[in-house]
PDB file of N, CA and C in Angstrom:
ATOM      1  N   UNK A   1      50.302  31.357  -4.449  1.00  0.00           N
ATOM      2  CA  UNK A   1      49.572  31.898  -3.337  1.00  0.00           C
ATOM      3  C   UNK A   1      48.159  32.300  -3.738  1.00  0.00           C
ATOM      4  N   UNK A   2      48.060  32.925  -4.928  1.00  0.00           N
ATOM      5  CA  UNK A   2      46.760  33.365  -5.418  1.00  0.00           C
ATOM      6  C   UNK A   2      45.850  32.166  -5.677  1.00  0.00           C
ATOM      7  N   UNK A   3      46.407  31.077  -6.207  1.00  0.00           N
ATOM      8  CA  UNK A   3      45.604  29.883  -6.489  1.00  0.00           C
ATOM      9  C   UNK A   3      45.124  29.212  -5.203  1.00  0.00           C
ATOM     10  N   UNK A   4      45.910  29.271  -4.139  1.00  0.00           N
ATOM     11  CA  UNK A   4      45.513  28.693  -2.852  1.00  0.00           C
ATOM     12  C   UNK A   4      44.340  29.473  -2.274  1.00  0.00           C
ATOM     13  N   UNK A   5      44.396  30.792  -2.345  1.00  0.00           N
ATOM     14  CA  UNK A   5      43.305  31.626  -1.838  1.00  0.00           C
ATOM     15  C   UNK A   5      42.040  31.388  -2.655  1.00  0.00           C
ATOM     16  N   UNK A   6      42.176  31.296  -3.982  1.00  0.00           N
ATOM     17  CA  UNK A   6      41.019  31.021  -4.839  1.00  0.00           C
ATOM     18  C   UNK A   6      40.428  29.643  -4.541  1.00  0.00           C
ATOM     19  N   UNK A   7      41.281  28.671  -4.287  1.00  0.00           N
ATOM     20  CA  UNK A   7      40.812  27.323  -3.961  1.00  0.00           C
ATOM     21  C   UNK A   7      40.035  27.315  -2.645  1.00  0.00           C
ATOM     22  N   UNK A   8      40.552  28.017  -1.630  1.00  0.00           N
ATOM     23  CA  UNK A   8      39.863  28.095  -0.338  1.00  0.00           C
ATOM     24  C   UNK A   8      38.541  28.831  -0.490  1.00  0.00           C
ATOM     25  N   UNK A   9      38.540  29.930  -1.243  1.00  0.00           N
ATOM     26  CA  UNK A   9      37.314  30.696  -1.473  1.00  0.00           C
ATOM     27  C   UNK A   9      36.282  29.858  -2.222  1.00  0.00           C
ATOM     28  N   UNK A  10      36.726  29.100  -3.231  1.00  0.00           N
ATOM     29  CA  UNK A  10      35.820  28.254  -4.005  1.00  0.00           C
ATOM     30  C   UNK A  10      35.201  27.169  -3.124  1.00  0.00           C
ATOM     31  N   UNK A  11      36.014  26.516  -2.288  1.00  0.00           N
ATOM     32  CA  UNK A  11      35.476  25.465  -1.413  1.00  0.00           C
ATOM     33  C   UNK A  11      34.524  26.058  -0.373  1.00  0.00           C
ATOM     34  N   UNK A  12      34.793  27.277   0.095  1.00  0.00           N
ATOM     35  CA  UNK A  12      33.899  27.947   1.035  1.00  0.00           C
ATOM     36  C   UNK A  12      32.556  28.244   0.372  1.00  0.00           C
ATOM     37  N   UNK A  13      32.582  28.722  -0.872  1.00  0.00           N
ATOM     38  CA  UNK A  13      31.339  29.013  -1.596  1.00  0.00           C
ATOM     39  C   UNK A  13      30.539  27.736  -1.869  1.00  0.00           C
ATOM     40  N   UNK A  14      31.219  26.668  -2.205  1.00  0.00           N
ATOM     41  CA  UNK A  14      30.543  25.381  -2.424  1.00  0.00           C
ATOM     42  C   UNK A  14      29.892  24.913  -1.127  1.00  0.00           C
ATOM     43  N   UNK A  15      30.591  25.051  -0.009  1.00  0.00           N
ATOM     44  CA  UNK A  15      30.028  24.651   1.289  1.00  0.00           C
ATOM     45  C   UNK A  15      28.791  25.465   1.625  1.00  0.00           C
ATOM     46  N   UNK A  16      28.833  26.765   1.373  1.00  0.00           N
ATOM     47  CA  UNK A  16      27.661  27.613   1.618  1.00  0.00           C
ATOM     48  C   UNK A  16      26.488  27.215   0.727  1.00  0.00           C
ATOM     49  N   UNK A  17      26.780  26.909  -0.534  1.00  0.00           N
ATOM     50  CA  UNK A  17      25.718  26.504  -1.455  1.00  0.00           C
ATOM     51  C   UNK A  17      25.073  25.196  -0.999  1.00  0.00           C
ATOM     52  N   UNK A  18      25.871  24.230  -0.576  1.00  0.00           N
ATOM     53  CA  UNK A  18      25.322  22.963  -0.089  1.00  0.00           C
ATOM     54  C   UNK A  18      24.508  23.164   1.177  1.00  0.00           C
ATOM     55  N   UNK A  19      24.976  24.019   2.054  1.00  0.00           N
ATOM     56  CA  UNK A  19      24.229  24.316   3.273  1.00  0.00           C
ATOM     57  C   UNK A  19      22.896  24.973   2.940  1.00  0.00           C
ATOM     58  N   UNK A  20      22.898  25.870   1.984  1.00  0.00           N
ATOM     59  CA  UNK A  20      21.673  26.551   1.565  1.00  0.00           C
ATOM     60  C   UNK A  20      20.674  25.563   0.962  1.00  0.00           C
ATOM     61  N   UNK A  21      21.175  24.616   0.185  1.00  0.00           N
ATOM     62  CA  UNK A  21      20.295  23.641  -0.471  1.00  0.00           C
ATOM     63  C   UNK A  21      19.727  22.644   0.534  1.00  0.00           C
ATOM     64  N   UNK A  22      20.547  22.146   1.454  1.00  0.00           N
ATOM     65  CA  UNK A  22      20.100  21.085   2.365  1.00  0.00           C
ATOM     66  C   UNK A  22      19.427  21.600   3.624  1.00  0.00           C
ATOM     67  N   UNK A  23      19.510  22.877   3.937  1.00  0.00           N
ATOM     68  CA  UNK A  23      18.922  23.430   5.154  1.00  0.00           C
ATOM     69  C   UNK A  23      17.408  23.207   5.230  1.00  0.00           C
ATOM     70  N   UNK A  24      16.622  23.403   4.139  1.00  0.00           N
ATOM     71  CA  UNK A  24      15.174  23.160   4.251  1.00  0.00           C
ATOM     72  C   UNK A  24      14.822  21.713   4.567  1.00  0.00           C
ATOM     73  N   UNK A  25      15.716  20.777   4.259  1.00  0.00           N
ATOM     74  CA  UNK A  25      15.431  19.370   4.528  1.00  0.00           C
ATOM     75  C   UNK A  25      15.393  19.070   6.018  1.00  0.00           C
ATOM     76  N   UNK A  26      16.014  19.906   6.811  1.00  0.00           N
ATOM     77  CA  UNK A  26      16.017  19.663   8.253  1.00  0.00           C
ATOM     78  C   UNK A  26      14.663  19.930   8.878  1.00  0.00           C
ATOM     79  N   UNK A  27      13.794  20.639   8.179  1.00  0.00           N
ATOM     80  CA  UNK A  27      12.460  20.939   8.692  1.00  0.00           C
ATOM     81  C   UNK A  27      11.392  20.011   8.122  1.00  0.00           C
ATOM     82  N   UNK A  28      11.778  19.055   7.302  1.00  0.00           N
ATOM     83  CA  UNK A  28      10.816  18.151   6.673  1.00  0.00           C
ATOM     84  C   UNK A  28      10.197  17.224   7.707  1.00  0.00           C
ATOM     85  N   UNK A  29       8.970  16.801   7.453  1.00  0.00           N
ATOM     86  CA  UNK A  29       8.291  15.857   8.328  1.00  0.00           C
ATOM     87  C   UNK A  29       8.839  14.462   8.069  1.00  0.00           C
ATOM     88  N   UNK A  30       8.971  13.638   9.097  1.00  0.00           N
ATOM     89  CA  UNK A  30       9.497  12.288   8.903  1.00  0.00           C
ATOM     90  C   UNK A  30       8.487  11.393   8.189  1.00  0.00           C
ATOM     91  N   UNK A  31       8.997  10.452   7.434  1.00  0.00           N
ATOM     92  CA  UNK A  31       8.158   9.464   6.773  1.00  0.00           C
ATOM     93  C   UNK A  31       8.034   8.252   7.677  1.00  0.00           C
ATOM     94  N   UNK A  32       6.944   7.524   7.523  1.00  0.00           N
ATOM     95  CA  UNK A  32       6.797   6.267   8.258  1.00  0.00           C
ATOM     96  C   UNK A  32       6.285   6.446   9.659  1.00  0.00           C
ATOM     97  N   UNK A  33       7.078   6.044  10.643  1.00  0.00           N
ATOM     98  CA  UNK A  33       6.640   6.032  12.032  1.00  0.00           C
ATOM     99  C   UNK A  33       6.454   7.438  12.574  1.00  0.00           C
ATOM    100  N   UNK A  34       5.428   7.601  13.373  1.00  0.00           N
ATOM    101  CA  UNK A  34       5.174   8.881  14.018  1.00  0.00           C
ATOM    102  C   UNK A  34       5.590   8.791  15.471  1.00  0.00           C
ATOM    103  N   UNK A  35       5.808   9.943  16.065  1.00  0.00           N
ATOM    104  CA  UNK A  35       6.239   9.945  17.452  1.00  0.00           C
ATOM    105  C   UNK A  35       5.088   9.671  18.409  1.00  0.00           C
ATOM    106  N   UNK A  36       3.864   9.982  17.992  1.00  0.00           N
ATOM    107  CA  UNK A  36       2.735   9.744  18.893  1.00  0.00           C
ATOM    108  C   UNK A  36       2.387   8.263  18.915  1.00  0.00           C
ATOM    109  N   UNK A  37       1.901   7.803  20.060  1.00  0.00           N
ATOM    110  CA  UNK A  37       1.593   6.382  20.212  1.00  0.00           C
ATOM    111  C   UNK A  37       0.114   6.091  20.050  1.00  0.00           C
ATOM    112  N   UNK A  38      -0.665   7.096  19.687  1.00  0.00           N
ATOM    113  CA  UNK A  38      -2.099   6.870  19.555  1.00  0.00           C
ATOM    114  C   UNK A  38      -2.399   5.962  18.368  1.00  0.00           C
ATOM    115  N   UNK A  39      -3.417   5.144  18.523  1.00  0.00           N
ATOM    116  CA  UNK A  39      -3.834   4.236  17.466  1.00  0.00           C
ATOM    117  C   UNK A  39      -4.895   4.920  16.622  1.00  0.00           C
ATOM    118  N   UNK A  40      -4.716   4.862  15.304  1.00  0.00           N
ATOM    119  CA  UNK A  40      -5.731   5.406  14.420  1.00  0.00           C
ATOM    120  C   UNK A  40      -6.806   4.354  14.198  1.00  0.00           C
ATOM    121  N   UNK A  41      -8.027   4.807  14.084  1.00  0.00           N
ATOM    122  CA  UNK A  41      -9.122   3.894  13.800  1.00  0.00           C
ATOM    123  C   UNK A  41      -9.013   3.445  12.351  1.00  0.00           C
ATOM    124  N   UNK A  42      -9.298   2.188  12.097  1.00  0.00           N
ATOM    125  CA  UNK A  42      -9.200   1.652  10.745  1.00  0.00           C
ATOM    126  C   UNK A  42     -10.123   2.426   9.815  1.00  0.00           C
ATOM    127  N   UNK A  43      -9.610   2.730   8.635  1.00  0.00           N
ATOM    128  CA  UNK A  43     -10.385   3.512   7.683  1.00  0.00           C
ATOM    129  C   UNK A  43     -11.426   2.659   6.984  1.00  0.00           C
ATOM    130  N   UNK A  44     -11.079   1.413   6.716  1.00  0.00           N
ATOM    131  CA  UNK A  44     -12.001   0.508   6.047  1.00  0.00           C
ATOM    132  C   UNK A  44     -12.382  -0.597   7.019  1.00  0.00           C
ATOM    133  N   UNK A  45     -13.646  -0.806   7.188  1.00  0.00           N
ATOM    134  CA  UNK A  45     -14.129  -1.812   8.124  1.00  0.00           C
ATOM    135  C   UNK A  45     -14.500  -3.080   7.367  1.00  0.00           C
ATOM    136  N   UNK A  46     -14.363  -4.189   8.040  1.00  0.00           N
ATOM    137  CA  UNK A  46     -14.735  -5.479   7.474  1.00  0.00           C
ATOM    138  C   UNK A  46     -16.154  -5.782   7.899  1.00  0.00           C
ATOM    139  N   UNK A  47     -16.957  -6.183   6.938  1.00  0.00           N
ATOM    140  CA  UNK A  47     -18.340  -6.533   7.220  1.00  0.00           C
ATOM    141  C   UNK A  47     -18.430  -8.049   7.345  1.00  0.00           C
ATOM    142  N   UNK A  48     -18.709  -8.521   8.551  1.00  0.00           N
ATOM    143  CA  UNK A  48     -18.854  -9.956   8.775  1.00  0.00           C
ATOM    144  C   UNK A  48     -19.635 -10.167  10.053  1.00  0.00           C
ATOM    145  N   UNK A  49     -19.995 -11.411  10.281  1.00  0.00           N
ATOM    146  CA  UNK A  49     -20.644 -11.767  11.535  1.00  0.00           C
ATOM    147  C   UNK A  49     -19.639 -12.505  12.402  1.00  0.00           C
ATOM    148  N   UNK A  50     -19.986 -12.747  13.659  1.00  0.00           N
ATOM    149  CA  UNK A  50     -19.043 -13.358  14.596  1.00  0.00           C
ATOM    150  C   UNK A  50     -18.515 -14.693  14.086  1.00  0.00           C
ATOM    151  N   UNK A  51     -19.382 -15.568  13.674  1.00  0.00           N
ATOM    152  CA  UNK A  51     -18.971 -16.877  13.163  1.00  0.00           C
ATOM    153  C   UNK A  51     -19.341 -17.026  11.697  1.00  0.00           C
ATOM    154  N   UNK A  52     -19.354 -15.916  10.975  1.00  0.00           N
ATOM    155  CA  UNK A  52     -19.800 -15.941   9.585  1.00  0.00           C
ATOM    156  C   UNK A  52     -18.807 -16.585   8.647  1.00  0.00           C
ATOM    157  N   UNK A  53     -19.345 -17.155   7.612  1.00  0.00           N
ATOM    158  CA  UNK A  53     -18.513 -17.807   6.613  1.00  0.00           C
ATOM    159  C   UNK A  53     -17.962 -16.802   5.609  1.00  0.00           C
ATOM    160  N   UNK A  54     -18.725 -15.777   5.284  1.00  0.00           N
ATOM    161  CA  UNK A  54     -18.331 -14.805   4.268  1.00  0.00           C
ATOM    162  C   UNK A  54     -17.958 -13.477   4.912  1.00  0.00           C
ATOM    163  N   UNK A  55     -16.905 -12.866   4.389  1.00  0.00           N
ATOM    164  CA  UNK A  55     -16.441 -11.569   4.876  1.00  0.00           C
ATOM    165  C   UNK A  55     -16.383 -10.618   3.685  1.00  0.00           C
ATOM    166  N   UNK A  56     -16.959  -9.444   3.869  1.00  0.00           N
ATOM    167  CA  UNK A  56     -16.872  -8.401   2.855  1.00  0.00           C
ATOM    168  C   UNK A  56     -15.829  -7.388   3.309  1.00  0.00           C
ATOM    169  N   UNK A  57     -14.991  -6.934   2.385  1.00  0.00           N
ATOM    170  CA  UNK A  57     -13.966  -5.963   2.738  1.00  0.00           C
ATOM    171  C   UNK A  57     -13.641  -5.048   1.579  1.00  0.00           C
ATOM    172  N   UNK A  58     -13.076  -3.899   1.909  1.00  0.00           N
ATOM    173  CA  UNK A  58     -12.646  -2.923   0.915  1.00  0.00           C
ATOM    174  C   UNK A  58     -11.220  -2.532   1.249  1.00  0.00           C
ATOM    175  N   UNK A  59     -10.330  -2.533   0.251  1.00  0.00           N
ATOM    176  CA  UNK A  59      -8.913  -2.317   0.532  1.00  0.00           C
ATOM    177  C   UNK A  59      -8.403  -0.938   0.141  1.00  0.00           C
ATOM    178  N   UNK A  60      -9.246  -0.098  -0.482  1.00  0.00           N
ATOM    179  CA  UNK A  60      -8.829   1.267  -0.816  1.00  0.00           C
ATOM    180  C   UNK A  60     -10.062   2.135  -0.994  1.00  0.00           C
ATOM    181  N   UNK A  61      -9.848   3.388  -1.387  1.00  0.00           N
ATOM    182  CA  UNK A  61     -10.967   4.301  -1.622  1.00  0.00           C
ATOM    183  C   UNK A  61     -11.732   3.960  -2.897  1.00  0.00           C
ATOM    184  N   UNK A  62     -11.126   3.221  -3.777  1.00  0.00           N
ATOM    185  CA  UNK A  62     -11.751   2.901  -5.053  1.00  0.00           C
ATOM    186  C   UNK A  62     -12.930   1.951  -4.864  1.00  0.00           C
ATOM    187  N   UNK A  63     -14.015   2.240  -5.562  1.00  0.00           N
ATOM    188  CA  UNK A  63     -15.177   1.349  -5.480  1.00  0.00           C
ATOM    189  C   UNK A  63     -14.895   0.002  -6.136  1.00  0.00           C
ATOM    190  N   UNK A  64     -13.816  -0.091  -6.884  1.00  0.00           N
ATOM    191  CA  UNK A  64     -13.451  -1.353  -7.539  1.00  0.00           C
ATOM    192  C   UNK A  64     -12.741  -2.313  -6.598  1.00  0.00           C
ATOM    193  N   UNK A  65     -12.371  -1.850  -5.430  1.00  0.00           N
ATOM    194  CA  UNK A  65     -11.607  -2.675  -4.498  1.00  0.00           C
ATOM    195  C   UNK A  65     -12.457  -3.242  -3.374  1.00  0.00           C
ATOM    196  N   UNK A  66     -13.651  -3.707  -3.696  1.00  0.00           N
ATOM    197  CA  UNK A  66     -14.523  -4.359  -2.719  1.00  0.00           C
ATOM    198  C   UNK A  66     -14.530  -5.851  -3.024  1.00  0.00           C
ATOM    199  N   UNK A  67     -14.350  -6.649  -1.979  1.00  0.00           N
ATOM    200  CA  UNK A  67     -14.224  -8.087  -2.168  1.00  0.00           C
ATOM    201  C   UNK A  67     -15.088  -8.851  -1.178  1.00  0.00           C
ATOM    202  N   UNK A  68     -15.371 -10.114  -1.530  1.00  0.00           N
ATOM    203  CA  UNK A  68     -16.044 -11.038  -0.628  1.00  0.00           C
ATOM    204  C   UNK A  68     -15.181 -12.291  -0.546  1.00  0.00           C
ATOM    205  N   UNK A  69     -14.887 -12.721   0.680  1.00  0.00           N
ATOM    206  CA  UNK A  69     -14.042 -13.887   0.916  1.00  0.00           C
ATOM    207  C   UNK A  69     -14.853 -14.972   1.592  1.00  0.00           C
ATOM    208  N   UNK A  70     -14.760 -16.187   1.065  1.00  0.00           N
ATOM    209  CA  UNK A  70     -15.348 -17.364   1.704  1.00  0.00           C
ATOM    210  C   UNK A  70     -14.284 -17.903   2.658  1.00  0.00           C
ATOM    211  N   UNK A  71     -14.501 -17.746   3.956  1.00  0.00           N
ATOM    212  CA  UNK A  71     -13.485 -18.142   4.936  1.00  0.00           C
ATOM    213  C   UNK A  71     -13.331 -19.653   5.057  1.00  0.00           C
ATOM    214  N   UNK A  72     -14.293 -20.414   4.570  1.00  0.00           N
ATOM    215  CA  UNK A  72     -14.203 -21.871   4.644  1.00  0.00           C
ATOM    216  C   UNK A  72     -13.309 -22.431   3.539  1.00  0.00           C
ATOM    217  N   UNK A  73     -13.521 -21.961   2.307  1.00  0.00           N
ATOM    218  CA  UNK A  73     -12.776 -22.512   1.172  1.00  0.00           C
ATOM    219  C   UNK A  73     -11.624 -21.632   0.716  1.00  0.00           C
ATOM    220  N   UNK A  74     -11.673 -20.338   1.022  1.00  0.00           N
ATOM    221  CA  UNK A  74     -10.646 -19.418   0.554  1.00  0.00           C
ATOM    222  C   UNK A  74     -10.964 -18.780  -0.777  1.00  0.00           C
ATOM    223  N   UNK A  75     -12.143 -19.088  -1.332  1.00  0.00           N
ATOM    224  CA  UNK A  75     -12.525 -18.463  -2.605  1.00  0.00           C
ATOM    225  C   UNK A  75     -12.700 -16.970  -2.405  1.00  0.00           C
ATOM    226  N   UNK A  76     -12.394 -16.212  -3.453  1.00  0.00           N
ATOM    227  CA  UNK A  76     -12.443 -14.759  -3.390  1.00  0.00           C
ATOM    228  C   UNK A  76     -13.205 -14.231  -4.597  1.00  0.00           C
ATOM    229  N   UNK A  77     -14.071 -13.269  -4.352  1.00  0.00           N
ATOM    230  CA  UNK A  77     -14.832 -12.621  -5.412  1.00  0.00           C
ATOM    231  C   UNK A  77     -14.656 -11.118  -5.308  1.00  0.00           C
ATOM    232  N   UNK A  78     -14.634 -10.466  -6.457  1.00  0.00           N
ATOM    233  CA  UNK A  78     -14.633  -9.007  -6.487  1.00  0.00           C
ATOM    234  C   UNK A  78     -16.058  -8.552  -6.769  1.00  0.00           C
ATOM    235  N   UNK A  79     -16.517  -7.551  -6.021  1.00  0.00           N
ATOM    236  CA  UNK A  79     -17.855  -7.013  -6.250  1.00  0.00           C
ATOM    237  C   UNK A  79     -17.748  -6.058  -7.428  1.00  0.00           C
ATOM    238  N   UNK A  80     -18.400  -6.409  -8.525  1.00  0.00           N
ATOM    239  CA  UNK A  80     -18.314  -5.637  -9.761  1.00  0.00           C
ATOM    240  C   UNK A  80     -19.698  -5.126 -10.140  1.00  0.00           C
ATOM    241  N   UNK A  81     -19.731  -4.272 -11.140  1.00  0.00           N
ATOM    242  CA  UNK A  81     -21.003  -3.714 -11.587  1.00  0.00           C
ATOM    243  C   UNK A  81     -21.028  -3.696 -13.103  1.00  0.00           C
ATOM    244  N   UNK A  82     -22.187  -4.039 -13.640  1.00  0.00           N
ATOM    245  CA  UNK A  82     -22.391  -4.047 -15.078  1.00  0.00           C
ATOM    246  C   UNK A  82     -23.679  -3.299 -15.385  1.00  0.00           C
ATOM    247  N   UNK A  83     -23.720  -2.640 -16.513  1.00  0.00           N
ATOM    248  CA  UNK A  83     -24.929  -1.920 -16.898  1.00  0.00           C
ATOM    249  C   UNK A  83     -26.105  -2.846 -17.136  1.00  0.00           C
ATOM    250  N   UNK A  84     -25.831  -4.077 -17.564  1.00  0.00           N
ATOM    251  CA  UNK A  84     -26.904  -5.024 -17.873  1.00  0.00           C
ATOM    252  C   UNK A  84     -27.476  -5.680 -16.624  1.00  0.00           C
ATOM    253  N   UNK A  85     -26.607  -6.107 -15.698  1.00  0.00           N
ATOM    254  CA  UNK A  85     -27.083  -6.873 -14.539  1.00  0.00           C
ATOM    255  C   UNK A  85     -26.946  -6.131 -13.217  1.00  0.00           C
ATOM    256  N   UNK A  86     -26.262  -5.011 -13.180  1.00  0.00           N
ATOM    257  CA  UNK A  86     -26.047  -4.299 -11.923  1.00  0.00           C
ATOM    258  C   UNK A  86     -24.874  -4.896 -11.167  1.00  0.00           C
ATOM    259  N   UNK A  87     -24.985  -4.971  -9.843  1.00  0.00           N
ATOM    260  CA  UNK A  87     -23.912  -5.536  -9.021  1.00  0.00           C
ATOM    261  C   UNK A  87     -23.875  -7.054  -9.148  1.00  0.00           C
ATOM    262  N   UNK A  88     -22.672  -7.612  -9.233  1.00  0.00           N
ATOM    263  CA  UNK A  88     -22.518  -9.064  -9.267  1.00  0.00           C
ATOM    264  C   UNK A  88     -21.153  -9.422  -8.698  1.00  0.00           C
ATOM    265  N   UNK A  89     -20.961 -10.703  -8.398  1.00  0.00           N
ATOM    266  CA  UNK A  89     -19.695 -11.196  -7.851  1.00  0.00           C
ATOM    267  C   UNK A  89     -18.869 -11.819  -8.975  1.00  0.00           C
ATOM    268  N   UNK A  90     -17.669 -11.286  -9.195  1.00  0.00           N
ATOM    269  CA  UNK A  90     -16.763 -11.804 -10.218  1.00  0.00           C
ATOM    270  C   UNK A  90     -15.682 -12.617  -9.509  1.00  0.00           C
ATOM    271  N   UNK A  91     -15.540 -13.905  -9.826  1.00  0.00           N
ATOM    272  CA  UNK A  91     -14.511 -14.719  -9.162  1.00  0.00           C
ATOM    273  C   UNK A  91     -13.109 -14.181  -9.452  1.00  0.00           C
ATOM    274  N   UNK A  92     -12.272 -14.182  -8.425  1.00  0.00           N
ATOM    275  CA  UNK A  92     -10.869 -13.781  -8.573  1.00  0.00           C
ATOM    276  C   UNK A  92     -10.042 -15.060  -8.585  1.00  0.00           C
ATOM    277  N   UNK A  93      -9.355 -15.350  -9.697  1.00  0.00           N
ATOM    278  CA  UNK A  93      -8.581 -16.592  -9.766  1.00  0.00           C
ATOM    279  C   UNK A  93      -7.265 -16.489  -8.995  1.00  0.00           C
ATOM    280  N   UNK A  94      -6.807 -17.630  -8.519  1.00  0.00           N
ATOM    281  CA  UNK A  94      -5.501 -17.744  -7.870  1.00  0.00           C
ATOM    282  C   UNK A  94      -4.523 -18.309  -8.891  1.00  0.00           C
ATOM    283  N   UNK A  95      -3.292 -17.834  -8.883  1.00  0.00           N
ATOM    284  CA  UNK A  95      -2.259 -18.391  -9.754  1.00  0.00           C
ATOM    285  C   UNK A  95      -1.411 -19.336  -8.924  1.00  0.00           C
ATOM    286  N   UNK A  96      -1.308 -20.559  -9.387  1.00  0.00           N
ATOM    287  CA  UNK A  96      -0.562 -21.578  -8.670  1.00  0.00           C
ATOM    288  C   UNK A  96       0.917 -21.529  -9.038  1.00  0.00           C
ATOM    289  N   UNK A  97       1.720 -22.249  -8.285  1.00  0.00           N
ATOM    290  CA  UNK A  97       3.160 -22.293  -8.512  1.00  0.00           C
ATOM    291  C   UNK A  97       3.546 -22.823  -9.880  1.00  0.00           C
ATOM    292  N   UNK A  98       2.716 -23.692 -10.452  1.00  0.00           N
ATOM    293  CA  UNK A  98       3.024 -24.260 -11.766  1.00  0.00           C
ATOM    294  C   UNK A  98       2.542 -23.378 -12.914  1.00  0.00           C
ATOM    295  N   UNK A  99       1.978 -22.197 -12.599  1.00  0.00           N
ATOM    296  CA  UNK A  99       1.535 -21.271 -13.639  1.00  0.00           C
ATOM    297  C   UNK A  99       0.077 -21.400 -14.012  1.00  0.00           C
ATOM    298  N   UNK A 100      -0.606 -22.427 -13.520  1.00  0.00           N
ATOM    299  CA  UNK A 100      -2.025 -22.598 -13.819  1.00  0.00           C
ATOM    300  C   UNK A 100      -2.859 -21.756 -12.863  1.00  0.00           C
ATOM    301  N   UNK A 101      -4.133 -21.589 -13.218  1.00  0.00           N
ATOM    302  CA  UNK A 101      -5.049 -20.786 -12.412  1.00  0.00           C
ATOM    303  C   UNK A 101      -6.210 -21.632 -11.922  1.00  0.00           C
ATOM    304  N   UNK A 102      -6.786 -21.224 -10.785  1.00  0.00           N
ATOM    305  CA  UNK A 102      -7.946 -21.915 -10.242  1.00  0.00           C
ATOM    306  C   UNK A 102      -8.705 -21.008  -9.294  1.00  0.00           C
ATOM    307  N   UNK A 103      -9.921 -21.434  -8.922  1.00  0.00           N
ATOM    308  CA  UNK A 103     -10.771 -20.631  -8.039  1.00  0.00           C
ATOM    309  C   UNK A 103     -10.420 -20.772  -6.568  1.00  0.00           C
ATOM    310  N   UNK A 104      -9.730 -21.845  -6.207  1.00  0.00           N
ATOM    311  CA  UNK A 104      -9.372 -22.078  -4.808  1.00  0.00           C
ATOM    312  C   UNK A 104      -7.888 -21.825  -4.605  1.00  0.00           C
ATOM    313  N   UNK A 105      -7.498 -21.371  -3.413  1.00  0.00           N
ATOM    314  CA  UNK A 105      -6.065 -21.189  -3.162  1.00  0.00           C
ATOM    315  C   UNK A 105      -5.331 -22.522  -3.192  1.00  0.00           C
ATOM    316  N   UNK A 106      -4.069 -22.472  -3.563  1.00  0.00           N
ATOM    317  CA  UNK A 106      -3.246 -23.679  -3.632  1.00  0.00           C
ATOM    318  C   UNK A 106      -3.009 -24.215  -2.228  1.00  0.00           C
ATOM    319  N   UNK A 107      -3.087 -25.528  -2.092  1.00  0.00           N
ATOM    320  CA  UNK A 107      -2.836 -26.144  -0.787  1.00  0.00           C
ATOM    321  C   UNK A 107      -1.351 -26.075  -0.476  1.00  0.00           C
ATOM    322  N   UNK A 108      -1.017 -25.792   0.777  1.00  0.00           N
ATOM    323  CA  UNK A 108       0.410 -25.741   1.128  1.00  0.00           C
ATOM    324  C   UNK A 108       1.064 -27.111   0.986  1.00  0.00           C
ATOM    325  N   UNK A 109       2.307 -27.108   0.511  1.00  0.00           N
ATOM    326  CA  UNK A 109       3.042 -28.371   0.371  1.00  0.00           C
ATOM    327  C   UNK A 109       3.630 -28.736   1.715  1.00  0.00           C
ATOM    328  N   UNK A 110       3.585 -30.024   2.033  1.00  0.00           N
ATOM    329  CA  UNK A 110       4.102 -30.500   3.325  1.00  0.00           C
ATOM    330  C   UNK A 110       5.441 -31.124   3.167  1.00  0.00           C
TER     331      UNK A 110
END
């Protein structure tokens, strides 16, 4: 009889402890989708012209993440900086399916 009461008391204490630990999680903010339907303005804008061949873009807050894309050929350059020459365009190579690299994107297989 004593062991049954101790077992019930122990399980009750464990339940209270779990409730105490998980209770703050019920007030946490949700990740991902928000309930509001408002659209946020894009943080990074693309610099291009209406029918322009080249597009400049930035993908993060880092100054290292600025790129220029040739929309005709698909070539991509990273805008880099050097103490000797200042700002310059560094080609970004594409890795092909066979493991080789090149300046142009791989053509889709038909």
